[in-house]
Amino acid sequence: MTVRLKDFYADWCGPCKTQDPILDELEEEYADVEFEKVDVDEEQDVANEYQVRSLPTLIIENDDGIVDRFVGVTQREDLEDALQKAGA
């Protein structure tokens, strides 16, 4: 099963910069998870498809669909729990 973490962000978003180091650490540890950064200014169609209204928004999905969604800076432990729930 493929597990993906989509990070919806913008360069001007301060909280997004706070979230980045947490995601970088997770990406190193979860080699089997696909991490995708989505710049909402450049990819508005994707942001609209996922109904992203606030930044940062993190969406964890697997082959069955969306498993979890986080809005705002999210702690590492919460993301790890969701990744495991998704099958990572």
PDB file of N, CA and C in Angstrom:
ATOM      1  N   MET A   1       0.842  -1.182   0.000  1.00  0.00           N
ATOM      2  CA  MET A   1       0.000   0.000   0.000  1.00  0.00           C
ATOM      3  C   MET A   1       0.887   1.245   0.000  1.00  0.00           C
ATOM      4  N   THR A   2       0.564   2.172  -0.843  1.00  0.00           N
ATOM      5  CA  THR A   2       1.313   3.421  -0.938  1.00  0.00           C
ATOM      6  C   THR A   2       0.743   4.438   0.049  1.00  0.00           C
ATOM      7  N   VAL A   3       1.633   5.037   0.840  1.00  0.00           N
ATOM      8  CA  VAL A   3       1.237   6.091   1.771  1.00  0.00           C
ATOM      9  C   VAL A   3       1.880   7.385   1.302  1.00  0.00           C
ATOM     10  N   ARG A   4       1.070   8.451   1.228  1.00  0.00           N
ATOM     11  CA  ARG A   4       1.547   9.753   0.793  1.00  0.00           C
ATOM     12  C   ARG A   4       1.238  10.815   1.845  1.00  0.00           C
ATOM     13  N   LEU A   5       2.163  11.743   2.013  1.00  0.00           N
ATOM     14  CA  LEU A   5       1.926  12.914   2.844  1.00  0.00           C
ATOM     15  C   LEU A   5       2.050  14.123   1.931  1.00  0.00           C
ATOM     16  N   LYS A   6       0.957  14.831   1.756  1.00  0.00           N
ATOM     17  CA  LYS A   6       0.954  16.042   0.923  1.00  0.00           C
ATOM     18  C   LYS A   6       1.037  17.252   1.844  1.00  0.00           C
ATOM     19  N   ASP A   7       2.035  18.081   1.599  1.00  0.00           N
ATOM     20  CA  ASP A   7       2.278  19.291   2.384  1.00  0.00           C
ATOM     21  C   ASP A   7       1.883  20.490   1.532  1.00  0.00           C
ATOM     22  N   PHE A   8       0.738  21.095   1.853  1.00  0.00           N
ATOM     23  CA  PHE A   8       0.274  22.284   1.140  1.00  0.00           C
ATOM     24  C   PHE A   8       0.848  23.500   1.855  1.00  0.00           C
ATOM     25  N   TYR A   9       1.617  24.302   1.114  1.00  0.00           N
ATOM     26  CA  TYR A   9       2.356  25.413   1.712  1.00  0.00           C
ATOM     27  C   TYR A   9       2.433  26.578   0.722  1.00  0.00           C
ATOM     28  N   ALA A  10       3.001  27.696   1.195  1.00  0.00           N
ATOM     29  CA  ALA A  10       3.345  28.835   0.342  1.00  0.00           C
ATOM     30  C   ALA A  10       4.633  29.440   0.887  1.00  0.00           C
ATOM     31  N   ASP A  11       5.411  30.027   0.004  1.00  0.00           N
ATOM     32  CA  ASP A  11       6.693  30.613   0.422  1.00  0.00           C
ATOM     33  C   ASP A  11       6.511  31.730   1.446  1.00  0.00           C
ATOM     34  N   TRP A  12       5.380  32.448   1.391  1.00  0.00           N
ATOM     35  CA  TRP A  12       5.135  33.575   2.287  1.00  0.00           C
ATOM     36  C   TRP A  12       4.547  33.143   3.631  1.00  0.00           C
ATOM     37  N   CYS A  13       4.309  31.869   3.818  1.00  0.00           N
ATOM     38  CA  CYS A  13       3.627  31.342   5.011  1.00  0.00           C
ATOM     39  C   CYS A  13       4.626  31.068   6.136  1.00  0.00           C
ATOM     40  N   GLY A  14       4.583  31.872   7.197  1.00  0.00           N
ATOM     41  CA  GLY A  14       5.478  31.695   8.340  1.00  0.00           C
ATOM     42  C   GLY A  14       5.309  30.344   9.033  1.00  0.00           C
ATOM     43  N   PRO A  15       4.071  29.951   9.379  1.00  0.00           N
ATOM     44  CA  PRO A  15       3.889  28.650  10.033  1.00  0.00           C
ATOM     45  C   PRO A  15       4.382  27.480   9.170  1.00  0.00           C
ATOM     46  N   CYS A  16       4.344  27.635   7.853  1.00  0.00           N
ATOM     47  CA  CYS A  16       4.849  26.575   6.967  1.00  0.00           C
ATOM     48  C   CYS A  16       6.339  26.363   7.192  1.00  0.00           C
ATOM     49  N   LYS A  17       7.054  27.450   7.422  1.00  0.00           N
ATOM     50  CA  LYS A  17       8.494  27.349   7.667  1.00  0.00           C
ATOM     51  C   LYS A  17       8.770  26.660   9.011  1.00  0.00           C
ATOM     52  N   THR A  18       7.869  26.828   9.968  1.00  0.00           N
ATOM     53  CA  THR A  18       7.980  26.145  11.255  1.00  0.00           C
ATOM     54  C   THR A  18       7.748  24.649  11.083  1.00  0.00           C
ATOM     55  N   GLN A  19       6.850  24.286  10.175  1.00  0.00           N
ATOM     56  CA  GLN A  19       6.504  22.883   9.947  1.00  0.00           C
ATOM     57  C   GLN A  19       7.608  22.137   9.206  1.00  0.00           C
ATOM     58  N   ASP A  20       8.350  22.818   8.359  1.00  0.00           N
ATOM     59  CA  ASP A  20       9.343  22.178   7.489  1.00  0.00           C
ATOM     60  C   ASP A  20      10.341  21.265   8.203  1.00  0.00           C
ATOM     61  N   PRO A  21      10.976  21.684   9.311  1.00  0.00           N
ATOM     62  CA  PRO A  21      11.964  20.793   9.945  1.00  0.00           C
ATOM     63  C   PRO A  21      11.345  19.480  10.437  1.00  0.00           C
ATOM     64  N   ILE A  22      10.105  19.531  10.897  1.00  0.00           N
ATOM     65  CA  ILE A  22       9.423  18.314  11.353  1.00  0.00           C
ATOM     66  C   ILE A  22       9.224  17.366  10.174  1.00  0.00           C
ATOM     67  N   LEU A  23       8.790  17.916   9.053  1.00  0.00           N
ATOM     68  CA  LEU A  23       8.562  17.089   7.860  1.00  0.00           C
ATOM     69  C   LEU A  23       9.879  16.533   7.319  1.00  0.00           C
ATOM     70  N   ASP A  24      10.934  17.342   7.376  1.00  0.00           N
ATOM     71  CA  ASP A  24      12.248  16.877   6.911  1.00  0.00           C
ATOM     72  C   ASP A  24      12.717  15.669   7.720  1.00  0.00           C
ATOM     73  N   GLU A  25      12.529  15.722   9.038  1.00  0.00           N
ATOM     74  CA  GLU A  25      12.917  14.595   9.892  1.00  0.00           C
ATOM     75  C   GLU A  25      12.108  13.347   9.555  1.00  0.00           C
ATOM     76  N   LEU A  26      10.801  13.522   9.393  1.00  0.00           N
ATOM     77  CA  LEU A  26       9.942  12.383   9.077  1.00  0.00           C
ATOM     78  C   LEU A  26      10.310  11.768   7.735  1.00  0.00           C
ATOM     79  N   GLU A  27      10.642  12.622   6.769  1.00  0.00           N
ATOM     80  CA  GLU A  27      10.988  12.121   5.439  1.00  0.00           C
ATOM     81  C   GLU A  27      12.234  11.242   5.487  1.00  0.00           C
ATOM     82  N   GLU A  28      13.175  11.593   6.367  1.00  0.00           N
ATOM     83  CA  GLU A  28      14.384  10.778   6.516  1.00  0.00           C
ATOM     84  C   GLU A  28      14.064   9.417   7.141  1.00  0.00           C
ATOM     85  N   GLU A  29      13.124   9.402   8.070  1.00  0.00           N
ATOM     86  CA  GLU A  29      12.824   8.179   8.817  1.00  0.00           C
ATOM     87  C   GLU A  29      11.818   7.265   8.114  1.00  0.00           C
ATOM     88  N   TYR A  30      10.928   7.841   7.327  1.00  0.00           N
ATOM     89  CA  TYR A  30       9.887   7.055   6.662  1.00  0.00           C
ATOM     90  C   TYR A  30      10.179   6.985   5.163  1.00  0.00           C
ATOM     91  N   ALA A  31      11.135   6.147   4.816  1.00  0.00           N
ATOM     92  CA  ALA A  31      11.564   6.041   3.418  1.00  0.00           C
ATOM     93  C   ALA A  31      10.470   5.477   2.518  1.00  0.00           C
ATOM     94  N   ASP A  32       9.533   4.741   3.104  1.00  0.00           N
ATOM     95  CA  ASP A  32       8.472   4.125   2.310  1.00  0.00           C
ATOM     96  C   ASP A  32       7.287   5.063   2.067  1.00  0.00           C
ATOM     97  N   VAL A  33       7.314   6.258   2.648  1.00  0.00           N
ATOM     98  CA  VAL A  33       6.236   7.229   2.470  1.00  0.00           C
ATOM     99  C   VAL A  33       6.636   8.232   1.391  1.00  0.00           C
ATOM    100  N   GLU A  34       5.698   8.536   0.503  1.00  0.00           N
ATOM    101  CA  GLU A  34       5.927   9.552  -0.526  1.00  0.00           C
ATOM    102  C   GLU A  34       5.573  10.920   0.054  1.00  0.00           C
ATOM    103  N   PHE A  35       6.551  11.792   0.126  1.00  0.00           N
ATOM    104  CA  PHE A  35       6.330  13.156   0.608  1.00  0.00           C
ATOM    105  C   PHE A  35       6.213  14.078  -0.602  1.00  0.00           C
ATOM    106  N   GLU A  36       5.158  14.860  -0.634  1.00  0.00           N
ATOM    107  CA  GLU A  36       4.930  15.761  -1.766  1.00  0.00           C
ATOM    108  C   GLU A  36       4.631  17.158  -1.244  1.00  0.00           C
ATOM    109  N   LYS A  37       5.420  18.126  -1.699  1.00  0.00           N
ATOM    110  CA  LYS A  37       5.174  19.520  -1.353  1.00  0.00           C
ATOM    111  C   LYS A  37       4.338  20.149  -2.467  1.00  0.00           C
ATOM    112  N   VAL A  38       3.254  20.820  -2.078  1.00  0.00           N
ATOM    113  CA  VAL A  38       2.365  21.450  -3.044  1.00  0.00           C
ATOM    114  C   VAL A  38       2.312  22.942  -2.735  1.00  0.00           C
ATOM    115  N   ASP A  39       2.918  23.736  -3.609  1.00  0.00           N
ATOM    116  CA  ASP A  39       2.899  25.196  -3.476  1.00  0.00           C
ATOM    117  C   ASP A  39       1.531  25.677  -3.953  1.00  0.00           C
ATOM    118  N   VAL A  40       0.718  26.179  -3.017  1.00  0.00           N
ATOM    119  CA  VAL A  40      -0.661  26.544  -3.375  1.00  0.00           C
ATOM    120  C   VAL A  40      -0.729  27.717  -4.347  1.00  0.00           C
ATOM    121  N   ASP A  41       0.306  28.541  -4.384  1.00  0.00           N
ATOM    122  CA  ASP A  41       0.318  29.649  -5.334  1.00  0.00           C
ATOM    123  C   ASP A  41       0.538  29.161  -6.763  1.00  0.00           C
ATOM    124  N   GLU A  42       1.293  28.066  -6.910  1.00  0.00           N
ATOM    125  CA  GLU A  42       1.593  27.533  -8.240  1.00  0.00           C
ATOM    126  C   GLU A  42       0.644  26.416  -8.659  1.00  0.00           C
ATOM    127  N   GLU A  43       0.041  25.752  -7.681  1.00  0.00           N
ATOM    128  CA  GLU A  43      -0.820  24.604  -7.984  1.00  0.00           C
ATOM    129  C   GLU A  43      -2.196  24.773  -7.319  1.00  0.00           C
ATOM    130  N   GLN A  44      -2.868  25.863  -7.676  1.00  0.00           N
ATOM    131  CA  GLN A  44      -4.163  26.161  -7.081  1.00  0.00           C
ATOM    132  C   GLN A  44      -5.198  25.087  -7.381  1.00  0.00           C
ATOM    133  N   ASP A  45      -5.100  24.456  -8.554  1.00  0.00           N
ATOM    134  CA  ASP A  45      -6.063  23.418  -8.906  1.00  0.00           C
ATOM    135  C   ASP A  45      -5.981  22.237  -7.941  1.00  0.00           C
ATOM    136  N   VAL A  46      -4.767  21.860  -7.548  1.00  0.00           N
ATOM    137  CA  VAL A  46      -4.591  20.750  -6.603  1.00  0.00           C
ATOM    138  C   VAL A  46      -5.099  21.174  -5.223  1.00  0.00           C
ATOM    139  N   ALA A  47      -4.788  22.402  -4.819  1.00  0.00           N
ATOM    140  CA  ALA A  47      -5.259  22.905  -3.522  1.00  0.00           C
ATOM    141  C   ALA A  47      -6.787  22.934  -3.493  1.00  0.00           C
ATOM    142  N   ASN A  48      -7.401  23.332  -4.583  1.00  0.00           N
ATOM    143  CA  ASN A  48      -8.865  23.356  -4.649  1.00  0.00           C
ATOM    144  C   ASN A  48      -9.439  21.951  -4.598  1.00  0.00           C
ATOM    145  N   GLU A  49      -8.787  21.020  -5.293  1.00  0.00           N
ATOM    146  CA  GLU A  49      -9.247  19.631  -5.306  1.00  0.00           C
ATOM    147  C   GLU A  49      -9.298  19.064  -3.885  1.00  0.00           C
ATOM    148  N   TYR A  50      -8.316  19.429  -3.059  1.00  0.00           N
ATOM    149  CA  TYR A  50      -8.253  18.941  -1.682  1.00  0.00           C
ATOM    150  C   TYR A  50      -8.916  19.906  -0.698  1.00  0.00           C
ATOM    151  N   GLN A  51      -9.554  20.939  -1.203  1.00  0.00           N
ATOM    152  CA  GLN A  51     -10.276  21.929  -0.396  1.00  0.00           C
ATOM    153  C   GLN A  51      -9.396  22.543   0.690  1.00  0.00           C
ATOM    154  N   VAL A  52      -8.196  22.959   0.289  1.00  0.00           N
ATOM    155  CA  VAL A  52      -7.251  23.593   1.209  1.00  0.00           C
ATOM    156  C   VAL A  52      -7.627  25.062   1.355  1.00  0.00           C
ATOM    157  N   ARG A  53      -7.888  25.473   2.597  1.00  0.00           N
ATOM    158  CA  ARG A  53      -8.292  26.853   2.868  1.00  0.00           C
ATOM    159  C   ARG A  53      -7.309  27.591   3.771  1.00  0.00           C
ATOM    160  N   SER A  54      -6.497  26.843   4.521  1.00  0.00           N
ATOM    161  CA  SER A  54      -5.531  27.434   5.448  1.00  0.00           C
ATOM    162  C   SER A  54      -4.200  26.719   5.290  1.00  0.00           C
ATOM    163  N   LEU A  55      -3.124  27.417   5.687  1.00  0.00           N
ATOM    164  CA  LEU A  55      -1.782  26.851   5.562  1.00  0.00           C
ATOM    165  C   LEU A  55      -1.084  26.859   6.909  1.00  0.00           C
ATOM    166  N   PRO A  56      -0.218  25.887   7.136  1.00  0.00           N
ATOM    167  CA  PRO A  56      -0.032  24.708   6.306  1.00  0.00           C
ATOM    168  C   PRO A  56      -1.186  23.718   6.486  1.00  0.00           C
ATOM    169  N   THR A  57      -1.458  22.959   5.442  1.00  0.00           N
ATOM    170  CA  THR A  57      -2.386  21.836   5.516  1.00  0.00           C
ATOM    171  C   THR A  57      -1.608  20.592   5.111  1.00  0.00           C
ATOM    172  N   LEU A  58      -1.710  19.562   5.939  1.00  0.00           N
ATOM    173  CA  LEU A  58      -1.036  18.297   5.665  1.00  0.00           C
ATOM    174  C   LEU A  58      -2.102  17.230   5.497  1.00  0.00           C
ATOM    175  N   ILE A  59      -2.017  16.495   4.405  1.00  0.00           N
ATOM    176  CA  ILE A  59      -2.972  15.435   4.139  1.00  0.00           C
ATOM    177  C   ILE A  59      -2.209  14.127   3.993  1.00  0.00           C
ATOM    178  N   ILE A  60      -2.642  13.146   4.770  1.00  0.00           N
ATOM    179  CA  ILE A  60      -2.042  11.808   4.694  1.00  0.00           C
ATOM    180  C   ILE A  60      -3.073  10.905   4.037  1.00  0.00           C
ATOM    181  N   GLU A  61      -2.633  10.250   2.963  1.00  0.00           N
ATOM    182  CA  GLU A  61      -3.546   9.373   2.242  1.00  0.00           C
ATOM    183  C   GLU A  61      -2.844   8.078   1.873  1.00  0.00           C
ATOM    184  N   ASN A  62      -3.657   7.068   1.605  1.00  0.00           N
ATOM    185  CA  ASN A  62      -3.139   5.806   1.094  1.00  0.00           C
ATOM    186  C   ASN A  62      -4.011   5.392  -0.085  1.00  0.00           C
ATOM    187  N   ASP A  63      -3.886   4.165  -0.518  1.00  0.00           N
ATOM    188  CA  ASP A  63      -4.615   3.715  -1.706  1.00  0.00           C
ATOM    189  C   ASP A  63      -6.124   3.773  -1.514  1.00  0.00           C
ATOM    190  N   ASP A  64      -6.577   3.793  -0.258  1.00  0.00           N
ATOM    191  CA  ASP A  64      -8.014   3.848   0.027  1.00  0.00           C
ATOM    192  C   ASP A  64      -8.555   5.267   0.079  1.00  0.00           C
ATOM    193  N   GLY A  65      -7.675   6.274   0.079  1.00  0.00           N
ATOM    194  CA  GLY A  65      -8.116   7.670   0.141  1.00  0.00           C
ATOM    195  C   GLY A  65      -7.461   8.404   1.295  1.00  0.00           C
ATOM    196  N   ILE A  66      -8.072   9.509   1.695  1.00  0.00           N
ATOM    197  CA  ILE A  66      -7.522  10.351   2.756  1.00  0.00           C
ATOM    198  C   ILE A  66      -7.724   9.666   4.104  1.00  0.00           C
ATOM    199  N   VAL A  67      -6.625   9.558   4.846  1.00  0.00           N
ATOM    200  CA  VAL A  67      -6.644   8.933   6.169  1.00  0.00           C
ATOM    201  C   VAL A  67      -6.742  10.002   7.251  1.00  0.00           C
ATOM    202  N   ASP A  68      -6.015  11.106   7.066  1.00  0.00           N
ATOM    203  CA  ASP A  68      -6.019  12.171   8.064  1.00  0.00           C
ATOM    204  C   ASP A  68      -5.670  13.493   7.410  1.00  0.00           C
ATOM    205  N   ARG A  69      -6.109  14.574   8.075  1.00  0.00           N
ATOM    206  CA  ARG A  69      -5.899  15.928   7.567  1.00  0.00           C
ATOM    207  C   ARG A  69      -5.570  16.808   8.762  1.00  0.00           C
ATOM    208  N   PHE A  70      -4.502  17.609   8.620  1.00  0.00           N
ATOM    209  CA  PHE A  70      -4.083  18.504   9.681  1.00  0.00           C
ATOM    210  C   PHE A  70      -3.994  19.918   9.131  1.00  0.00           C
ATOM    211  N   VAL A  71      -4.501  20.883   9.889  1.00  0.00           N
ATOM    212  CA  VAL A  71      -4.440  22.287   9.485  1.00  0.00           C
ATOM    213  C   VAL A  71      -3.672  23.035  10.573  1.00  0.00           C
ATOM    214  N   GLY A  72      -2.674  23.791  10.159  1.00  0.00           N
ATOM    215  CA  GLY A  72      -1.820  24.489  11.110  1.00  0.00           C
ATOM    216  C   GLY A  72      -0.588  23.645  11.410  1.00  0.00           C
ATOM    217  N   VAL A  73       0.323  24.206  12.173  1.00  0.00           N
ATOM    218  CA  VAL A  73       1.553  23.486  12.521  1.00  0.00           C
ATOM    219  C   VAL A  73       1.170  22.260  13.349  1.00  0.00           C
ATOM    220  N   THR A  74       1.654  21.110  12.912  1.00  0.00           N
ATOM    221  CA  THR A  74       1.293  19.834  13.534  1.00  0.00           C
ATOM    222  C   THR A  74       2.520  19.184  14.142  1.00  0.00           C
ATOM    223  N   GLN A  75       2.349  18.675  15.347  1.00  0.00           N
ATOM    224  CA  GLN A  75       3.456  18.055  16.052  1.00  0.00           C
ATOM    225  C   GLN A  75       3.841  16.718  15.426  1.00  0.00           C
ATOM    226  N   ARG A  76       5.083  16.391  15.564  1.00  0.00           N
ATOM    227  CA  ARG A  76       5.650  15.171  14.989  1.00  0.00           C
ATOM    228  C   ARG A  76       4.887  13.914  15.431  1.00  0.00           C
ATOM    229  N   GLU A  77       4.566  13.836  16.716  1.00  0.00           N
ATOM    230  CA  GLU A  77       3.892  12.649  17.247  1.00  0.00           C
ATOM    231  C   GLU A  77       2.542  12.419  16.560  1.00  0.00           C
ATOM    232  N   ASP A  78       1.801  13.490  16.334  1.00  0.00           N
ATOM    233  CA  ASP A  78       0.500  13.375  15.676  1.00  0.00           C
ATOM    234  C   ASP A  78       0.655  12.871  14.244  1.00  0.00           C
ATOM    235  N   LEU A  79       1.690  13.361  13.557  1.00  0.00           N
ATOM    236  CA  LEU A  79       1.938  12.925  12.186  1.00  0.00           C
ATOM    237  C   LEU A  79       2.383  11.471  12.145  1.00  0.00           C
ATOM    238  N   GLU A  80       3.219  11.079  13.095  1.00  0.00           N
ATOM    239  CA  GLU A  80       3.673   9.682  13.151  1.00  0.00           C
ATOM    240  C   GLU A  80       2.488   8.744  13.388  1.00  0.00           C
ATOM    241  N   ASP A  81       1.586   9.121  14.290  1.00  0.00           N
ATOM    242  CA  ASP A  81       0.399   8.306  14.556  1.00  0.00           C
ATOM    243  C   ASP A  81      -0.434   8.137  13.287  1.00  0.00           C
ATOM    244  N   ALA A  82      -0.618   9.235  12.562  1.00  0.00           N
ATOM    245  CA  ALA A  82      -1.434   9.193  11.339  1.00  0.00           C
ATOM    246  C   ALA A  82      -0.744   8.366  10.247  1.00  0.00           C
ATOM    247  N   LEU A  83       0.576   8.493  10.139  1.00  0.00           N
ATOM    248  CA  LEU A  83       1.308   7.706   9.142  1.00  0.00           C
ATOM    249  C   LEU A  83       1.179   6.211   9.431  1.00  0.00           C
ATOM    250  N   GLN A  84       1.271   5.860  10.696  1.00  0.00           N
ATOM    251  CA  GLN A  84       1.132   4.448  11.068  1.00  0.00           C
ATOM    252  C   GLN A  84      -0.288   3.959  10.803  1.00  0.00           C
ATOM    253  N   LYS A  85      -1.275   4.810  11.101  1.00  0.00           N
ATOM    254  CA  LYS A  85      -2.668   4.455  10.841  1.00  0.00           C
ATOM    255  C   LYS A  85      -2.902   4.237   9.345  1.00  0.00           C
ATOM    256  N   ALA A  86      -2.158   4.995   8.522  1.00  0.00           N
ATOM    257  CA  ALA A  86      -2.293   4.878   7.067  1.00  0.00           C
ATOM    258  C   ALA A  86      -1.587   3.650   6.495  1.00  0.00           C
ATOM    259  N   GLY A  87      -0.725   3.027   7.307  1.00  0.00           N
ATOM    260  CA  GLY A  87      -0.041   1.830   6.853  1.00  0.00           C
ATOM    261  C   GLY A  87       1.441   1.983   6.632  1.00  0.00           C
ATOM    262  N   ALA A  88       2.020   3.088   7.085  1.00  0.00           N
ATOM    263  CA  ALA A  88       3.465   3.309   6.911  1.00  0.00           C
ATOM    264  C   ALA A  88       4.259   2.505   7.915  1.00  0.00           C
TER     265      ALA A  88
END
